[in-house]
């Protein structure tokens, strides 16, 4: 009897699967968008003095790559960028702050919003 009840419940819920998946996807999209916004805010405050942090920008410091050039490098993922940001040895001596672990994911989420198909780097 228990098997019949579980099977019946499954049959009743099966039509809801796309709706549940979409709801989960929308929640993920909203969380990603919120993380990207927090990352942009952080970048505007801490990174824009040296880097162009928006698409098609010119970095104030010629030695600092524009973020869209970085974002469009082959193989860059949220994970590879987060790993880079987590390693304090990657930063130049002129940068007088560390990126806290709690904001690394936010910065990576924002960086990935700068990806474009057929992007041509400025460098």
PDB file of N, CA and C in Angstrom:
ATOM      1  N   UNK A   1       0.822  -1.198   0.000  1.00  0.00           N
ATOM      2  CA  UNK A   1       0.000   0.000   0.000  1.00  0.00           C
ATOM      3  C   UNK A   1       0.862   1.257   0.000  1.00  0.00           C
ATOM      4  N   UNK A   2       1.978   1.221   0.750  1.00  0.00           N
ATOM      5  CA  UNK A   2       2.848   2.375   0.819  1.00  0.00           C
ATOM      6  C   UNK A   2       3.423   2.698  -0.556  1.00  0.00           C
ATOM      7  N   UNK A   3       3.785   1.684  -1.333  1.00  0.00           N
ATOM      8  CA  UNK A   3       4.316   1.892  -2.675  1.00  0.00           C
ATOM      9  C   UNK A   3       3.288   2.545  -3.583  1.00  0.00           C
ATOM     10  N   UNK A   4       2.054   2.147  -3.471  1.00  0.00           N
ATOM     11  CA  UNK A   4       0.998   2.721  -4.295  1.00  0.00           C
ATOM     12  C   UNK A   4       0.821   4.193  -3.936  1.00  0.00           C
ATOM     13  N   UNK A   5       0.866   4.513  -2.662  1.00  0.00           N
ATOM     14  CA  UNK A   5       0.719   5.901  -2.222  1.00  0.00           C
ATOM     15  C   UNK A   5       1.861   6.754  -2.737  1.00  0.00           C
ATOM     16  N   UNK A   6       3.097   6.257  -2.680  1.00  0.00           N
ATOM     17  CA  UNK A   6       4.252   6.996  -3.181  1.00  0.00           C
ATOM     18  C   UNK A   6       4.165   7.178  -4.686  1.00  0.00           C
ATOM     19  N   UNK A   7       3.744   6.143  -5.394  1.00  0.00           N
ATOM     20  CA  UNK A   7       3.620   6.231  -6.844  1.00  0.00           C
ATOM     21  C   UNK A   7       2.531   7.237  -7.218  1.00  0.00           C
ATOM     22  N   UNK A   8       1.425   7.217  -6.485  1.00  0.00           N
ATOM     23  CA  UNK A   8       0.350   8.158  -6.761  1.00  0.00           C
ATOM     24  C   UNK A   8       0.811   9.597  -6.506  1.00  0.00           C
ATOM     25  N   UNK A   9       1.535   9.809  -5.418  1.00  0.00           N
ATOM     26  CA  UNK A   9       2.067  11.134  -5.112  1.00  0.00           C
ATOM     27  C   UNK A   9       3.011  11.593  -6.218  1.00  0.00           C
ATOM     28  N   UNK A  10       3.858  10.696  -6.693  1.00  0.00           N
ATOM     29  CA  UNK A  10       4.776  11.016  -7.774  1.00  0.00           C
ATOM     30  C   UNK A  10       4.011  11.410  -9.039  1.00  0.00           C
ATOM     31  N   UNK A  11       2.978  10.665  -9.364  1.00  0.00           N
ATOM     32  CA  UNK A  11       2.179  10.981 -10.545  1.00  0.00           C
ATOM     33  C   UNK A  11       1.476  12.337 -10.409  1.00  0.00           C
ATOM     34  N   UNK A  12       1.059  12.662  -9.195  1.00  0.00           N
ATOM     35  CA  UNK A  12       0.406  13.950  -8.975  1.00  0.00           C
ATOM     36  C   UNK A  12       1.393  15.113  -9.062  1.00  0.00           C
ATOM     37  N   UNK A  13       2.629  14.885  -8.613  1.00  0.00           N
ATOM     38  CA  UNK A  13       3.632  15.949  -8.605  1.00  0.00           C
ATOM     39  C   UNK A  13       4.391  16.080  -9.914  1.00  0.00           C
ATOM     40  N   UNK A  14       4.405  15.035 -10.738  1.00  0.00           N
ATOM     41  CA  UNK A  14       5.169  15.047 -11.982  1.00  0.00           C
ATOM     42  C   UNK A  14       4.846  16.252 -12.874  1.00  0.00           C
ATOM     43  N   UNK A  15       3.584  16.615 -13.068  1.00  0.00           N
ATOM     44  CA  UNK A  15       3.307  17.801 -13.887  1.00  0.00           C
ATOM     45  C   UNK A  15       3.859  19.094 -13.280  1.00  0.00           C
ATOM     46  N   UNK A  16       4.120  19.089 -11.996  1.00  0.00           N
ATOM     47  CA  UNK A  16       4.647  20.281 -11.326  1.00  0.00           C
ATOM     48  C   UNK A  16       6.158  20.409 -11.465  1.00  0.00           C
ATOM     49  N   UNK A  17       6.846  19.379 -11.942  1.00  0.00           N
ATOM     50  CA  UNK A  17       8.310  19.389 -12.007  1.00  0.00           C
ATOM     51  C   UNK A  17       8.856  20.585 -12.774  1.00  0.00           C
ATOM     52  N   UNK A  18       8.327  20.913 -13.972  1.00  0.00           N
ATOM     53  CA  UNK A  18       8.857  22.092 -14.675  1.00  0.00           C
ATOM     54  C   UNK A  18       8.637  23.392 -13.899  1.00  0.00           C
ATOM     55  N   UNK A  19       7.513  23.486 -13.223  1.00  0.00           N
ATOM     56  CA  UNK A  19       7.219  24.684 -12.443  1.00  0.00           C
ATOM     57  C   UNK A  19       8.180  24.793 -11.268  1.00  0.00           C
ATOM     58  N   UNK A  20       8.410  23.681 -10.588  1.00  0.00           N
ATOM     59  CA  UNK A  20       9.340  23.681  -9.461  1.00  0.00           C
ATOM     60  C   UNK A  20      10.752  23.984  -9.924  1.00  0.00           C
ATOM     61  N   UNK A  21      11.165  23.416 -11.058  1.00  0.00           N
ATOM     62  CA  UNK A  21      12.498  23.672 -11.597  1.00  0.00           C
ATOM     63  C   UNK A  21      12.648  25.137 -11.988  1.00  0.00           C
ATOM     64  N   UNK A  22      11.610  25.699 -12.594  1.00  0.00           N
ATOM     65  CA  UNK A  22      11.660  27.114 -12.979  1.00  0.00           C
ATOM     66  C   UNK A  22      11.749  28.003 -11.745  1.00  0.00           C
ATOM     67  N   UNK A  23      11.003  27.670 -10.712  1.00  0.00           N
ATOM     68  CA  UNK A  23      11.053  28.453  -9.483  1.00  0.00           C
ATOM     69  C   UNK A  23      12.447  28.393  -8.873  1.00  0.00           C
ATOM     70  N   UNK A  24      13.046  27.209  -8.878  1.00  0.00           N
ATOM     71  CA  UNK A  24      14.402  27.053  -8.350  1.00  0.00           C
ATOM     72  C   UNK A  24      15.378  27.859  -9.215  1.00  0.00           C
ATOM     73  N   UNK A  25      15.194  27.810 -10.540  1.00  0.00           N
ATOM     74  CA  UNK A  25      16.048  28.566 -11.457  1.00  0.00           C
ATOM     75  C   UNK A  25      15.903  30.064 -11.265  1.00  0.00           C
ATOM     76  N   UNK A  26      14.664  30.531 -11.061  1.00  0.00           N
ATOM     77  CA  UNK A  26      14.438  31.965 -10.832  1.00  0.00           C
ATOM     78  C   UNK A  26      15.066  32.418  -9.526  1.00  0.00           C
ATOM     79  N   UNK A  27      14.986  31.593  -8.494  1.00  0.00           N
ATOM     80  CA  UNK A  27      15.607  31.933  -7.216  1.00  0.00           C
ATOM     81  C   UNK A  27      17.123  32.007  -7.384  1.00  0.00           C
ATOM     82  N   UNK A  28      17.692  31.065  -8.149  1.00  0.00           N
ATOM     83  CA  UNK A  28      19.135  31.075  -8.405  1.00  0.00           C
ATOM     84  C   UNK A  28      19.514  32.314  -9.201  1.00  0.00           C
ATOM     85  N   UNK A  29      18.729  32.653 -10.223  1.00  0.00           N
ATOM     86  CA  UNK A  29      18.997  33.837 -11.041  1.00  0.00           C
ATOM     87  C   UNK A  29      18.930  35.109 -10.201  1.00  0.00           C
ATOM     88  N   UNK A  30      17.954  35.199  -9.330  1.00  0.00           N
ATOM     89  CA  UNK A  30      17.827  36.374  -8.471  1.00  0.00           C
ATOM     90  C   UNK A  30      19.008  36.470  -7.514  1.00  0.00           C
ATOM     91  N   UNK A  31      19.431  35.338  -6.966  1.00  0.00           N
ATOM     92  CA  UNK A  31      20.578  35.338  -6.060  1.00  0.00           C
ATOM     93  C   UNK A  31      21.850  35.721  -6.810  1.00  0.00           C
ATOM     94  N   UNK A  32      22.012  35.225  -8.035  1.00  0.00           N
ATOM     95  CA  UNK A  32      23.178  35.561  -8.836  1.00  0.00           C
ATOM     96  C   UNK A  32      23.176  37.044  -9.188  1.00  0.00           C
ATOM     97  N   UNK A  33      22.019  37.581  -9.551  1.00  0.00           N
ATOM     98  CA  UNK A  33      21.913  39.009  -9.879  1.00  0.00           C
ATOM     99  C   UNK A  33      22.239  39.866  -8.660  1.00  0.00           C
ATOM    100  N   UNK A  34      21.780  39.453  -7.496  1.00  0.00           N
ATOM    101  CA  UNK A  34      22.072  40.204  -6.272  1.00  0.00           C
ATOM    102  C   UNK A  34      23.565  40.149  -5.961  1.00  0.00           C
ATOM    103  N   UNK A  35      24.168  38.986  -6.139  1.00  0.00           N
ATOM    104  CA  UNK A  35      25.614  38.849  -5.910  1.00  0.00           C
ATOM    105  C   UNK A  35      26.388  39.726  -6.884  1.00  0.00           C
ATOM    106  N   UNK A  36      25.986  39.732  -8.156  1.00  0.00           N
ATOM    107  CA  UNK A  36      26.656  40.556  -9.161  1.00  0.00           C
ATOM    108  C   UNK A  36      26.544  42.043  -8.814  1.00  0.00           C
ATOM    109  N   UNK A  37      25.399  42.467  -8.317  1.00  0.00           N
ATOM    110  CA  UNK A  37      25.234  43.873  -7.929  1.00  0.00           C
ATOM    111  C   UNK A  37      26.146  44.214  -6.749  1.00  0.00           C
ATOM    112  N   UNK A  38      26.232  43.319  -5.780  1.00  0.00           N
ATOM    113  CA  UNK A  38      27.144  43.559  -4.653  1.00  0.00           C
ATOM    114  C   UNK A  38      28.587  43.614  -5.146  1.00  0.00           C
ATOM    115  N   UNK A  39      28.926  42.743  -6.102  1.00  0.00           N
ATOM    116  CA  UNK A  39      30.271  42.738  -6.662  1.00  0.00           C
ATOM    117  C   UNK A  39      30.577  44.029  -7.395  1.00  0.00           C
ATOM    118  N   UNK A  40      29.618  44.531  -8.158  1.00  0.00           N
ATOM    119  CA  UNK A  40      29.828  45.802  -8.868  1.00  0.00           C
ATOM    120  C   UNK A  40      30.022  46.943  -7.877  1.00  0.00           C
ATOM    121  N   UNK A  41      29.216  46.965  -6.832  1.00  0.00           N
ATOM    122  CA  UNK A  41      29.341  48.009  -5.816  1.00  0.00           C
ATOM    123  C   UNK A  41      30.728  47.969  -5.179  1.00  0.00           C
ATOM    124  N   UNK A  42      31.194  46.777  -4.853  1.00  0.00           N
ATOM    125  CA  UNK A  42      32.539  46.629  -4.287  1.00  0.00           C
ATOM    126  C   UNK A  42      33.580  47.139  -5.281  1.00  0.00           C
ATOM    127  N   UNK A  43      33.443  46.749  -6.550  1.00  0.00           N
ATOM    128  CA  UNK A  43      34.404  47.150  -7.583  1.00  0.00           C
ATOM    129  C   UNK A  43      34.414  48.663  -7.769  1.00  0.00           C
ATOM    130  N   UNK A  44      33.252  49.286  -7.732  1.00  0.00           N
ATOM    131  CA  UNK A  44      33.192  50.745  -7.880  1.00  0.00           C
ATOM    132  C   UNK A  44      33.955  51.439  -6.754  1.00  0.00           C
ATOM    133  N   UNK A  45      33.865  50.878  -5.561  1.00  0.00           N
ATOM    134  CA  UNK A  45      34.508  51.470  -4.395  1.00  0.00           C
ATOM    135  C   UNK A  45      35.999  51.160  -4.325  1.00  0.00           C
ATOM    136  N   UNK A  46      36.383  49.932  -4.660  1.00  0.00           N
ATOM    137  CA  UNK A  46      37.754  49.487  -4.397  1.00  0.00           C
ATOM    138  C   UNK A  46      38.622  49.243  -5.629  1.00  0.00           C
ATOM    139  N   UNK A  47      38.039  49.084  -6.795  1.00  0.00           N
ATOM    140  CA  UNK A  47      38.818  48.641  -7.956  1.00  0.00           C
ATOM    141  C   UNK A  47      38.871  49.652  -9.095  1.00  0.00           C
ATOM    142  N   UNK A  48      37.858  50.506  -9.167  1.00  0.00           N
ATOM    143  CA  UNK A  48      37.722  51.411 -10.308  1.00  0.00           C
ATOM    144  C   UNK A  48      38.785  52.504 -10.355  1.00  0.00           C
ATOM    145  N   UNK A  49      39.521  52.697  -9.276  1.00  0.00           N
ATOM    146  CA  UNK A  49      40.589  53.691  -9.309  1.00  0.00           C
ATOM    147  C   UNK A  49      41.700  53.255 -10.263  1.00  0.00           C
ATOM    148  N   UNK A  50      41.838  51.948 -10.479  1.00  0.00           N
ATOM    149  CA  UNK A  50      42.871  51.422 -11.381  1.00  0.00           C
ATOM    150  C   UNK A  50      42.284  50.749 -12.621  1.00  0.00           C
ATOM    151  N   UNK A  51      41.200  49.998 -12.454  1.00  0.00           N
ATOM    152  CA  UNK A  51      40.623  49.193 -13.545  1.00  0.00           C
ATOM    153  C   UNK A  51      39.366  49.821 -14.126  1.00  0.00           C
ATOM    154  N   UNK A  52      39.183  49.643 -15.429  1.00  0.00           N
ATOM    155  CA  UNK A  52      37.867  49.890 -16.020  1.00  0.00           C
ATOM    156  C   UNK A  52      37.021  48.692 -15.603  1.00  0.00           C
ATOM    157  N   UNK A  53      35.951  48.946 -14.877  1.00  0.00           N
ATOM    158  CA  UNK A  53      35.152  47.832 -14.353  1.00  0.00           C
ATOM    159  C   UNK A  53      33.863  47.622 -15.130  1.00  0.00           C
ATOM    160  N   UNK A  54      33.624  48.440 -16.152  1.00  0.00           N
ATOM    161  CA  UNK A  54      32.436  48.282 -16.979  1.00  0.00           C
ATOM    162  C   UNK A  54      32.863  47.939 -18.400  1.00  0.00           C
ATOM    163  N   UNK A  55      31.943  47.482 -19.190  1.00  0.00           N
ATOM    164  CA  UNK A  55      32.239  47.103 -20.570  1.00  0.00           C
ATOM    165  C   UNK A  55      32.730  48.311 -21.359  1.00  0.00           C
ATOM    166  N   UNK A  56      33.710  48.060 -22.200  1.00  0.00           N
ATOM    167  CA  UNK A  56      34.248  49.061 -23.119  1.00  0.00           C
ATOM    168  C   UNK A  56      34.898  50.252 -22.422  1.00  0.00           C
ATOM    169  N   UNK A  57      35.340  50.058 -21.193  1.00  0.00           N
ATOM    170  CA  UNK A  57      35.977  51.150 -20.463  1.00  0.00           C
ATOM    171  C   UNK A  57      37.480  51.176 -20.674  1.00  0.00           C
ATOM    172  N   UNK A  58      38.081  52.274 -20.280  1.00  0.00           N
ATOM    173  CA  UNK A  58      39.529  52.422 -20.314  1.00  0.00           C
ATOM    174  C   UNK A  58      40.006  52.528 -18.875  1.00  0.00           C
ATOM    175  N   UNK A  59      40.944  51.687 -18.500  1.00  0.00           N
ATOM    176  CA  UNK A  59      41.444  51.694 -17.133  1.00  0.00           C
ATOM    177  C   UNK A  59      42.202  52.986 -16.842  1.00  0.00           C
ATOM    178  N   UNK A  60      41.938  53.612 -15.689  1.00  0.00           N
ATOM    179  CA  UNK A  60      42.692  54.807 -15.299  1.00  0.00           C
ATOM    180  C   UNK A  60      44.195  54.533 -15.180  1.00  0.00           C
ATOM    181  N   UNK A  61      44.538  53.328 -14.766  1.00  0.00           N
ATOM    182  CA  UNK A  61      45.939  52.916 -14.682  1.00  0.00           C
ATOM    183  C   UNK A  61      46.228  52.038 -15.895  1.00  0.00           C
ATOM    184  N   UNK A  62      47.108  52.468 -16.781  1.00  0.00           N
ATOM    185  CA  UNK A  62      47.384  51.691 -17.990  1.00  0.00           C
ATOM    186  C   UNK A  62      47.915  50.281 -17.717  1.00  0.00           C
ATOM    187  N   UNK A  63      48.460  50.065 -16.528  1.00  0.00           N
ATOM    188  CA  UNK A  63      48.972  48.738 -16.166  1.00  0.00           C
ATOM    189  C   UNK A  63      47.862  47.795 -15.707  1.00  0.00           C
ATOM    190  N   UNK A  64      46.700  48.332 -15.387  1.00  0.00           N
ATOM    191  CA  UNK A  64      45.581  47.536 -14.863  1.00  0.00           C
ATOM    192  C   UNK A  64      44.659  47.149 -16.015  1.00  0.00           C
ATOM    193  N   UNK A  65      44.486  45.856 -16.251  1.00  0.00           N
ATOM    194  CA  UNK A  65      43.630  45.452 -17.380  1.00  0.00           C
ATOM    195  C   UNK A  65      42.160  45.812 -17.149  1.00  0.00           C
ATOM    196  N   UNK A  66      41.480  46.201 -18.215  1.00  0.00           N
ATOM    197  CA  UNK A  66      40.029  46.409 -18.093  1.00  0.00           C
ATOM    198  C   UNK A  66      39.361  45.077 -17.724  1.00  0.00           C
ATOM    199  N   UNK A  67      38.351  45.170 -16.907  1.00  0.00           N
ATOM    200  CA  UNK A  67      37.721  43.937 -16.433  1.00  0.00           C
ATOM    201  C   UNK A  67      37.053  43.145 -17.540  1.00  0.00           C
ATOM    202  N   UNK A  68      36.554  43.801 -18.579  1.00  0.00           N
ATOM    203  CA  UNK A  68      35.942  43.003 -19.637  1.00  0.00           C
ATOM    204  C   UNK A  68      37.007  42.199 -20.392  1.00  0.00           C
ATOM    205  N   UNK A  69      38.258  42.701 -20.456  1.00  0.00           N
ATOM    206  CA  UNK A  69      39.338  41.895 -21.033  1.00  0.00           C
ATOM    207  C   UNK A  69      39.581  40.649 -20.190  1.00  0.00           C
ATOM    208  N   UNK A  70      39.571  40.822 -18.884  1.00  0.00           N
ATOM    209  CA  UNK A  70      39.787  39.689 -17.978  1.00  0.00           C
ATOM    210  C   UNK A  70      38.612  38.718 -18.071  1.00  0.00           C
ATOM    211  N   UNK A  71      37.404  39.249 -18.027  1.00  0.00           N
ATOM    212  CA  UNK A  71      36.197  38.410 -18.018  1.00  0.00           C
ATOM    213  C   UNK A  71      36.069  37.562 -19.268  1.00  0.00           C
ATOM    214  N   UNK A  72      36.620  38.032 -20.371  1.00  0.00           N
ATOM    215  CA  UNK A  72      36.470  37.326 -21.638  1.00  0.00           C
ATOM    216  C   UNK A  72      37.669  36.465 -22.005  1.00  0.00           C
ATOM    217  N   UNK A  73      38.561  36.253 -21.062  1.00  0.00           N
ATOM    218  CA  UNK A  73      39.683  35.355 -21.307  1.00  0.00           C
ATOM    219  C   UNK A  73      39.180  33.926 -21.360  1.00  0.00           C
ATOM    220  N   UNK A  74      39.762  33.181 -22.262  1.00  0.00           N
ATOM    221  CA  UNK A  74      39.372  31.779 -22.411  1.00  0.00           C
ATOM    222  C   UNK A  74      39.650  31.026 -21.115  1.00  0.00           C
ATOM    223  N   UNK A  75      38.683  30.244 -20.711  1.00  0.00           N
ATOM    224  CA  UNK A  75      38.832  29.410 -19.519  1.00  0.00           C
ATOM    225  C   UNK A  75      38.439  30.071 -18.215  1.00  0.00           C
ATOM    226  N   UNK A  76      38.133  31.373 -18.234  1.00  0.00           N
ATOM    227  CA  UNK A  76      37.739  32.031 -16.999  1.00  0.00           C
ATOM    228  C   UNK A  76      36.348  31.557 -16.592  1.00  0.00           C
ATOM    229  N   UNK A  77      36.237  31.136 -15.357  1.00  0.00           N
ATOM    230  CA  UNK A  77      34.950  30.757 -14.768  1.00  0.00           C
ATOM    231  C   UNK A  77      34.838  31.470 -13.429  1.00  0.00           C
ATOM    232  N   UNK A  78      33.681  31.423 -12.832  1.00  0.00           N
ATOM    233  CA  UNK A  78      33.524  32.000 -11.494  1.00  0.00           C
ATOM    234  C   UNK A  78      34.521  31.351 -10.542  1.00  0.00           C
ATOM    235  N   UNK A  79      34.721  30.040 -10.674  1.00  0.00           N
ATOM    236  CA  UNK A  79      35.632  29.330  -9.773  1.00  0.00           C
ATOM    237  C   UNK A  79      37.084  29.734 -10.008  1.00  0.00           C
ATOM    238  N   UNK A  80      37.531  29.801 -11.272  1.00  0.00           N
ATOM    239  CA  UNK A  80      38.933  30.154 -11.519  1.00  0.00           C
ATOM    240  C   UNK A  80      39.208  31.598 -11.097  1.00  0.00           C
ATOM    241  N   UNK A  81      38.244  32.483 -11.316  1.00  0.00           N
ATOM    242  CA  UNK A  81      38.447  33.867 -10.905  1.00  0.00           C
ATOM    243  C   UNK A  81      38.438  33.986  -9.386  1.00  0.00           C
ATOM    244  N   UNK A  82      37.541  33.263  -8.725  1.00  0.00           N
ATOM    245  CA  UNK A  82      37.495  33.285  -7.263  1.00  0.00           C
ATOM    246  C   UNK A  82      38.800  32.752  -6.680  1.00  0.00           C
ATOM    247  N   UNK A  83      39.355  31.715  -7.292  1.00  0.00           N
ATOM    248  CA  UNK A  83      40.634  31.168  -6.827  1.00  0.00           C
ATOM    249  C   UNK A  83      41.724  32.221  -6.963  1.00  0.00           C
ATOM    250  N   UNK A  84      41.747  32.926  -8.095  1.00  0.00           N
ATOM    251  CA  UNK A  84      42.717  34.000  -8.284  1.00  0.00           C
ATOM    252  C   UNK A  84      42.560  35.067  -7.208  1.00  0.00           C
ATOM    253  N   UNK A  85      41.325  35.510  -6.973  1.00  0.00           N
ATOM    254  CA  UNK A  85      41.089  36.564  -5.989  1.00  0.00           C
ATOM    255  C   UNK A  85      41.443  36.132  -4.570  1.00  0.00           C
ATOM    256  N   UNK A  86      41.313  34.854  -4.279  1.00  0.00           N
ATOM    257  CA  UNK A  86      41.602  34.358  -2.936  1.00  0.00           C
ATOM    258  C   UNK A  86      43.097  34.332  -2.642  1.00  0.00           C
ATOM    259  N   UNK A  87      43.927  34.404  -3.676  1.00  0.00           N
ATOM    260  CA  UNK A  87      45.374  34.351  -3.497  1.00  0.00           C
ATOM    261  C   UNK A  87      45.918  35.768  -3.419  1.00  0.00           C
ATOM    262  N   UNK A  88      46.226  36.231  -2.220  1.00  0.00           N
ATOM    263  CA  UNK A  88      46.690  37.606  -2.020  1.00  0.00           C
ATOM    264  C   UNK A  88      48.001  37.886  -2.745  1.00  0.00           C
ATOM    265  N   UNK A  89      48.742  36.872  -3.140  1.00  0.00           N
ATOM    266  CA  UNK A  89      50.013  37.087  -3.836  1.00  0.00           C
ATOM    267  C   UNK A  89      49.796  37.582  -5.267  1.00  0.00           C
ATOM    268  N   UNK A  90      48.586  37.533  -5.757  1.00  0.00           N
ATOM    269  CA  UNK A  90      48.295  37.983  -7.115  1.00  0.00           C
ATOM    270  C   UNK A  90      48.199  39.499  -7.228  1.00  0.00           C
ATOM    271  N   UNK A  91      48.110  40.187  -6.121  1.00  0.00           N
ATOM    272  CA  UNK A  91      47.859  41.618  -6.158  1.00  0.00           C
ATOM    273  C   UNK A  91      49.161  42.411  -6.192  1.00  0.00           C
ATOM    274  N   UNK A  92      49.139  43.525  -6.892  1.00  0.00           N
ATOM    275  CA  UNK A  92      50.340  44.378  -6.895  1.00  0.00           C
ATOM    276  C   UNK A  92      50.515  45.065  -5.545  1.00  0.00           C
ATOM    277  N   UNK A  93      51.732  45.491  -5.277  1.00  0.00           N
ATOM    278  CA  UNK A  93      52.028  46.150  -4.001  1.00  0.00           C
ATOM    279  C   UNK A  93      51.225  47.436  -3.835  1.00  0.00           C
ATOM    280  N   UNK A  94      50.864  48.075  -4.949  1.00  0.00           N
ATOM    281  CA  UNK A  94      50.121  49.329  -4.878  1.00  0.00           C
ATOM    282  C   UNK A  94      48.714  49.148  -4.313  1.00  0.00           C
ATOM    283  N   UNK A  95      48.195  47.938  -4.361  1.00  0.00           N
ATOM    284  CA  UNK A  95      46.851  47.684  -3.853  1.00  0.00           C
ATOM    285  C   UNK A  95      46.940  47.522  -2.346  1.00  0.00           C
ATOM    286  N   UNK A  96      46.324  48.410  -1.631  1.00  0.00           N
ATOM    287  CA  UNK A  96      46.503  48.415  -0.177  1.00  0.00           C
ATOM    288  C   UNK A  96      45.328  47.792   0.574  1.00  0.00           C
ATOM    289  N   UNK A  97      44.691  46.791   0.007  1.00  0.00           N
ATOM    290  CA  UNK A  97      43.624  46.084   0.703  1.00  0.00           C
ATOM    291  C   UNK A  97      43.593  44.634   0.239  1.00  0.00           C
ATOM    292  N   UNK A  98      42.941  43.808   1.037  1.00  0.00           N
ATOM    293  CA  UNK A  98      42.720  42.412   0.666  1.00  0.00           C
ATOM    294  C   UNK A  98      41.246  42.240   0.357  1.00  0.00           C
ATOM    295  N   UNK A  99      40.977  41.333  -0.541  1.00  0.00           N
ATOM    296  CA  UNK A  99      39.582  41.018  -0.849  1.00  0.00           C
ATOM    297  C   UNK A  99      39.143  39.948   0.144  1.00  0.00           C
ATOM    298  N   UNK A 100      38.136  40.263   0.923  1.00  0.00           N
ATOM    299  CA  UNK A 100      37.632  39.318   1.916  1.00  0.00           C
ATOM    300  C   UNK A 100      36.911  38.172   1.225  1.00  0.00           C
ATOM    301  N   UNK A 101      37.029  37.000   1.789  1.00  0.00           N
ATOM    302  CA  UNK A 101      36.421  35.801   1.197  1.00  0.00           C
ATOM    303  C   UNK A 101      34.926  35.965   0.952  1.00  0.00           C
ATOM    304  N   UNK A 102      34.252  36.688   1.799  1.00  0.00           N
ATOM    305  CA  UNK A 102      32.793  36.813   1.659  1.00  0.00           C
ATOM    306  C   UNK A 102      32.383  37.595   0.420  1.00  0.00           C
ATOM    307  N   UNK A 103      33.289  38.432  -0.129  1.00  0.00           N
ATOM    308  CA  UNK A 103      32.923  39.201  -1.320  1.00  0.00           C
ATOM    309  C   UNK A 103      33.518  38.637  -2.608  1.00  0.00           C
ATOM    310  N   UNK A 104      34.376  37.645  -2.494  1.00  0.00           N
ATOM    311  CA  UNK A 104      35.001  37.074  -3.691  1.00  0.00           C
ATOM    312  C   UNK A 104      33.958  36.536  -4.669  1.00  0.00           C
ATOM    313  N   UNK A 105      32.977  35.808  -4.183  1.00  0.00           N
ATOM    314  CA  UNK A 105      31.927  35.273  -5.050  1.00  0.00           C
ATOM    315  C   UNK A 105      31.113  36.378  -5.712  1.00  0.00           C
ATOM    316  N   UNK A 106      30.888  37.465  -4.981  1.00  0.00           N
ATOM    317  CA  UNK A 106      30.143  38.598  -5.537  1.00  0.00           C
ATOM    318  C   UNK A 106      30.927  39.249  -6.683  1.00  0.00           C
ATOM    319  N   UNK A 107      32.220  39.427  -6.480  1.00  0.00           N
ATOM    320  CA  UNK A 107      33.046  40.038  -7.527  1.00  0.00           C
ATOM    321  C   UNK A 107      33.085  39.132  -8.751  1.00  0.00           C
ATOM    322  N   UNK A 108      33.249  37.833  -8.525  1.00  0.00           N
ATOM    323  CA  UNK A 108      33.265  36.883  -9.644  1.00  0.00           C
ATOM    324  C   UNK A 108      31.932  36.905 -10.391  1.00  0.00           C
ATOM    325  N   UNK A 109      30.821  36.986  -9.666  1.00  0.00           N
ATOM    326  CA  UNK A 109      29.503  37.040 -10.312  1.00  0.00           C
ATOM    327  C   UNK A 109      29.386  38.287 -11.174  1.00  0.00           C
ATOM    328  N   UNK A 110      29.875  39.419 -10.670  1.00  0.00           N
ATOM    329  CA  UNK A 110      29.834  40.642 -11.478  1.00  0.00           C
ATOM    330  C   UNK A 110      30.753  40.523 -12.691  1.00  0.00           C
ATOM    331  N   UNK A 111      31.945  40.013 -12.470  1.00  0.00           N
ATOM    332  CA  UNK A 111      32.911  39.877 -13.570  1.00  0.00           C
ATOM    333  C   UNK A 111      32.300  39.076 -14.717  1.00  0.00           C
ATOM    334  N   UNK A 112      31.566  38.020 -14.402  1.00  0.00           N
ATOM    335  CA  UNK A 112      30.983  37.180 -15.452  1.00  0.00           C
ATOM    336  C   UNK A 112      29.861  37.873 -16.218  1.00  0.00           C
ATOM    337  N   UNK A 113      29.308  38.957 -15.666  1.00  0.00           N
ATOM    338  CA  UNK A 113      28.297  39.705 -16.424  1.00  0.00           C
ATOM    339  C   UNK A 113      28.939  40.459 -17.588  1.00  0.00           C
ATOM    340  N   UNK A 114      30.247  40.580 -17.586  1.00  0.00           N
ATOM    341  CA  UNK A 114      30.964  41.313 -18.637  1.00  0.00           C
ATOM    342  C   UNK A 114      31.358  40.421 -19.817  1.00  0.00           C
ATOM    343  N   UNK A 115      31.028  39.139 -19.736  1.00  0.00           N
ATOM    344  CA  UNK A 115      31.370  38.230 -20.833  1.00  0.00           C
ATOM    345  C   UNK A 115      30.511  38.538 -22.056  1.00  0.00           C
ATOM    346  N   UNK A 116      31.138  38.501 -23.227  1.00  0.00           N
ATOM    347  CA  UNK A 116      30.434  38.755 -24.484  1.00  0.00           C
ATOM    348  C   UNK A 116      30.913  37.770 -25.538  1.00  0.00           C
ATOM    349  N   UNK A 117      30.008  37.334 -26.379  1.00  0.00           N
ATOM    350  CA  UNK A 117      30.376  36.495 -27.500  1.00  0.00           C
ATOM    351  C   UNK A 117      31.183  37.321 -28.492  1.00  0.00           C
ATOM    352  N   UNK A 118      32.185  36.716 -29.077  1.00  0.00           N
ATOM    353  CA  UNK A 118      33.033  37.357 -30.093  1.00  0.00           C
ATOM    354  C   UNK A 118      33.745  38.601 -29.563  1.00  0.00           C
ATOM    355  N   UNK A 119      34.053  38.616 -28.271  1.00  0.00           N
ATOM    356  CA  UNK A 119      34.731  39.756 -27.670  1.00  0.00           C
ATOM    357  C   UNK A 119      36.155  39.868 -28.215  1.00  0.00           C
ATOM    358  N   UNK A 120      36.566  41.065 -28.506  1.00  0.00           N
ATOM    359  CA  UNK A 120      37.938  41.338 -28.951  1.00  0.00           C
ATOM    360  C   UNK A 120      38.640  42.134 -27.851  1.00  0.00           C
ATOM    361  N   UNK A 121      39.661  41.543 -27.217  1.00  0.00           N
ATOM    362  CA  UNK A 121      40.347  42.240 -26.125  1.00  0.00           C
ATOM    363  C   UNK A 121      41.066  43.503 -26.623  1.00  0.00           C
ATOM    364  N   UNK A 122      41.205  44.450 -25.704  1.00  0.00           N
ATOM    365  CA  UNK A 122      41.902  45.687 -26.053  1.00  0.00           C
ATOM    366  C   UNK A 122      43.413  45.514 -25.982  1.00  0.00           C
ATOM    367  N   UNK A 123      43.868  44.468 -25.324  1.00  0.00           N
ATOM    368  CA  UNK A 123      45.317  44.213 -25.193  1.00  0.00           C
ATOM    369  C   UNK A 123      45.712  43.002 -25.979  1.00  0.00           C
TER     370      UNK A 123
END
